[in-house]
Protein backbone atom coordinates (compact mmCIF):
# COMPACT_ATOMS: atom_id res chain seq x y z
CA MET A 1 115.53 192.54 367.21
CA ARG A 2 116.93 189.11 366.52
CA ARG A 3 115.74 187.20 363.52
CA PRO A 4 113.98 183.90 364.30
CA SER A 5 116.05 180.87 363.74
CA PHE A 6 115.45 178.52 360.85
CA PRO A 7 113.87 175.75 362.99
CA THR A 8 111.48 178.31 364.50
CA VAL A 9 110.37 179.45 361.05
CA ILE A 10 109.76 175.88 359.93
CA SER A 11 107.70 175.19 363.08
CA LEU A 12 105.53 178.28 362.51
CA ILE A 13 104.90 177.33 358.88
CA ALA A 14 103.86 173.80 359.91
CA LEU A 15 101.50 175.23 362.53
CA PHE A 16 99.82 177.54 360.01
CA VAL A 17 99.36 174.71 357.51
CA ALA A 18 97.85 172.43 360.16
CA LEU A 19 95.41 175.08 361.35
CA GLY A 20 94.45 176.01 357.84
CA GLY A 21 93.79 172.36 356.88
CA THR A 22 91.54 171.78 359.91
CA SER A 23 89.50 174.90 359.17
CA TYR A 24 89.08 173.79 355.59
CA ALA A 25 87.90 170.36 356.67
CA VAL A 26 85.33 171.87 359.02
CA ILE A 27 84.04 174.44 356.51
CA LYS A 28 84.36 172.47 353.24
CA LEU A 29 83.48 168.91 354.41
CA PRO A 30 81.29 167.37 351.67
CA ALA A 31 77.83 165.99 352.62
CA LYS A 32 77.62 162.27 353.45
CA SER A 33 81.45 161.96 353.41
CA VAL A 34 81.70 160.70 357.02
CA GLY A 35 81.14 157.00 357.54
CA ASN A 36 81.89 154.30 360.12
CA ARG A 37 85.63 154.51 359.38
CA GLU A 38 85.81 158.21 360.31
CA LEU A 39 83.82 157.93 363.54
CA LYS A 40 85.57 157.21 366.78
CA SER A 41 84.21 154.57 369.16
CA ASN A 42 81.33 155.88 371.30
CA ALA A 43 81.40 159.19 369.38
CA VAL A 44 77.59 159.08 368.80
CA SER A 45 75.55 159.20 372.01
CA SER A 46 71.79 159.12 372.52
CA ALA A 47 71.80 162.88 373.19
CA LYS A 48 73.12 163.46 369.65
CA ILE A 49 70.36 161.42 367.91
CA ARG A 50 67.22 163.23 366.79
CA PRO A 51 64.03 161.77 368.34
CA ARG A 52 62.40 159.09 366.11
CA ALA A 53 65.37 159.22 363.71
CA ILE A 54 66.01 155.49 364.25
CA SER A 55 63.28 152.90 363.52
CA ARG A 56 63.03 149.36 364.88
CA SER A 57 64.29 147.93 361.59
CA ASP A 58 67.57 149.86 362.04
CA LEU A 59 68.41 147.94 365.20
CA ALA A 60 70.26 144.65 365.37
CA PRO A 61 67.98 141.60 365.86
CA SER A 62 69.36 141.10 369.36
CA ALA A 63 68.35 144.66 370.29
CA ARG A 64 64.76 144.45 368.98
CA THR A 65 63.45 142.09 371.62
CA GLY A 66 64.97 143.58 374.71
CA ALA A 67 65.35 142.00 378.09
CA ARG A 68 62.28 140.71 379.92
CA GLY A 69 61.10 143.20 382.49
CA PRO A 70 60.06 142.36 386.02
CA ARG A 71 56.76 140.58 386.61
CA GLY A 72 53.88 142.98 387.10
CA PRO A 73 51.47 142.89 390.02
CA ALA A 74 48.84 140.16 390.14
CA GLY A 75 45.42 141.10 388.76
CA PRO A 76 42.20 140.93 390.74
CA ALA A 77 40.65 137.54 391.39
CA GLY A 78 38.01 136.38 388.90
CA PRO A 79 34.40 135.68 389.82
CA ALA A 80 33.62 132.50 391.67
CA GLY A 81 32.31 129.64 389.54
CA ARG A 82 28.77 128.41 389.88
CA ALA A 83 28.17 125.52 392.21
CA GLY A 84 28.20 122.25 390.36
CA ASP A 85 30.08 123.44 387.23
CA ALA A 86 32.90 120.97 387.89
CA VAL A 87 30.62 118.15 389.02
CA ALA A 88 30.07 115.29 386.57
CA PRO A 89 26.45 114.60 385.52
CA GLU A 90 24.58 111.54 386.71
CA ALA A 91 24.97 108.18 385.07
CA TRP A 92 22.41 107.43 382.37
CA LYS A 93 19.18 105.80 383.57
CA ALA A 94 17.08 103.52 381.40
CA LEU A 95 14.07 105.30 379.91
CA PRO A 96 10.81 104.05 381.50
CA PHE A 97 8.94 103.11 378.32
CA GLN A 98 5.15 103.03 378.13
CA GLY A 99 2.89 100.77 376.06
CA SER A 100 4.65 99.01 373.22
CA TRP A 101 7.51 101.49 372.91
CA GLY A 102 11.11 100.35 373.24
CA ASN A 103 14.63 100.70 371.85
CA TYR A 104 15.01 100.67 368.06
CA ALA A 105 17.95 98.29 367.76
CA SER A 106 20.96 97.16 369.77
CA SER A 107 23.34 98.90 367.34
CA TRP A 108 21.89 102.29 368.36
CA ALA A 109 22.00 104.14 371.70
CA ALA A 110 19.30 102.90 374.06
CA GLY A 111 16.69 105.29 375.42
CA GLY A 112 17.88 106.98 378.59
CA TYR A 113 17.76 110.13 380.72
CA ARG A 114 19.89 111.92 383.27
CA LYS A 115 20.35 115.29 384.99
CA ASP A 116 23.47 117.40 385.35
CA ALA A 117 24.59 119.18 388.54
CA ARG A 118 22.76 122.38 387.55
CA GLY A 119 19.40 120.67 387.16
CA ARG A 120 19.17 120.28 383.36
CA VAL A 121 17.69 117.03 382.07
CA TYR A 122 18.92 115.25 378.94
CA LEU A 123 17.33 112.43 376.96
CA ARG A 124 19.07 110.17 374.48
CA GLY A 125 18.57 107.12 372.31
CA LEU A 126 16.74 105.93 369.20
CA VAL A 127 13.32 104.56 370.08
CA SER A 128 10.52 102.83 368.20
CA LYS A 129 6.97 101.60 368.66
CA VAL A 130 7.80 97.92 368.63
CA VAL A 131 4.20 96.75 368.05
CA GLY A 132 2.01 98.67 365.60
CA VAL A 133 2.71 102.16 364.28
CA PRO A 134 2.91 105.40 366.29
CA ALA A 135 -0.03 107.77 366.41
CA ALA A 136 -0.36 111.40 367.51
CA ASP A 137 0.18 111.90 371.26
CA ASP A 138 1.48 108.37 371.84
CA VAL A 139 3.24 108.25 375.21
CA ILE A 140 6.79 107.00 374.60
CA ALA A 141 7.85 107.08 378.26
CA THR A 142 7.07 108.82 381.55
CA LEU A 143 9.87 110.56 383.43
CA PRO A 144 9.89 110.41 387.25
CA ALA A 145 9.42 113.44 389.51
CA GLY A 146 12.49 115.68 389.54
CA TYR A 147 13.07 115.07 385.82
CA ARG A 148 10.09 116.95 384.42
CA PRO A 149 9.79 120.43 382.85
CA ALA A 150 7.71 123.15 384.49
CA MET A 151 5.81 123.72 381.22
CA ARG A 152 5.09 121.68 378.11
CA SER A 153 8.16 121.70 375.88
CA LEU A 154 8.42 120.97 372.14
CA PHE A 155 11.43 119.44 370.36
CA VAL A 156 12.28 118.68 366.72
CA ALA A 157 13.42 115.07 366.35
CA GLY A 158 15.02 113.01 363.65
CA ALA A 159 12.49 110.36 362.64
CA GLY A 160 11.52 107.97 359.88
CA ALA A 161 10.35 104.49 359.01
CA SER A 162 11.35 101.72 356.66
CA SER A 163 8.09 102.25 354.76
CA VAL A 164 8.30 106.06 354.48
CA GLY A 165 12.02 106.81 354.55
CA GLN A 166 13.83 109.56 356.41
CA ALA A 167 11.71 112.31 357.96
CA TYR A 168 11.57 114.74 360.84
CA GLY A 169 9.18 114.59 363.73
CA ARG A 170 8.09 116.33 366.88
CA VAL A 171 8.43 115.15 370.47
CA ASP A 172 6.83 116.99 373.43
CA VAL A 173 7.57 116.59 377.14
CA LEU A 174 4.78 117.42 379.58
CA PRO A 175 4.96 118.66 383.19
CA ASN A 176 3.63 115.26 384.32
CA GLY A 177 6.68 113.59 382.79
CA ASP A 178 5.03 112.14 379.67
CA VAL A 179 7.28 112.08 376.60
CA LEU A 180 4.89 112.28 373.64
CA TRP A 181 5.38 111.22 370.03
CA VAL A 182 3.42 113.93 368.15
CA THR A 183 4.50 113.52 364.50
CA GLY A 184 7.17 111.62 362.61
CA GLY A 185 7.60 108.53 360.47
CA ALA A 186 4.32 106.70 361.08
CA GLY A 187 5.00 103.37 359.41
CA GLU A 188 6.40 99.91 359.96
CA GLY A 189 9.92 100.00 361.33
CA ASP A 190 9.50 103.54 362.69
CA PHE A 191 12.29 105.24 364.62
CA THR A 192 12.50 108.50 366.59
CA SER A 193 15.62 110.11 368.02
CA LEU A 194 15.52 111.67 371.49
CA GLU A 195 19.00 113.20 371.27
CA THR A 196 17.65 116.76 370.88
CA VAL A 197 15.50 116.64 374.04
CA SER A 198 16.97 118.74 376.88
CA PHE A 199 15.25 121.06 379.37
CA TRP A 200 15.42 122.74 382.78
CA THR A 201 13.41 121.32 385.64
CA ASP A 202 12.53 124.67 387.24
């Protein structure tokens, strides 16, 4: 049997050393000794990552938002609006005063009334008994048909008088259209607000 040549011996020794070094690296590799420098490009795939091992904070900012998906299907149509919801209310009409009642002063809103498209009536203005002082059940004004409540309605009103100061009063509206001053500032220079008066006609 022929002895191996010197180059063959050297090649076999190099092969044994290489194989022995690789086995050592696989068996003796210290924990946490592999970093970005040791990993090849695309060496870590999604199949090699344990589920829920990566949180949102681990991702780059550009990867946290993601691309916008396609538009979803249109939802069902909403309910139809009530008739008259988009219709503007009537213009204000001058309040038809009774007796010696009238507007308090030109610097305040004048007495008026109107109805919206759904049938609700609104009153406004600061009124006063121009001659004398108001008494219980004084008729301030009478609303026309179509602007009257079905039942007697009671409202709290801001009121007062120069002789008694600021107070609160009560105003009632009757089914016949009478707007009554019930209580309030009964003195010279009285005033009563109608801004809180609002009711349905049916």
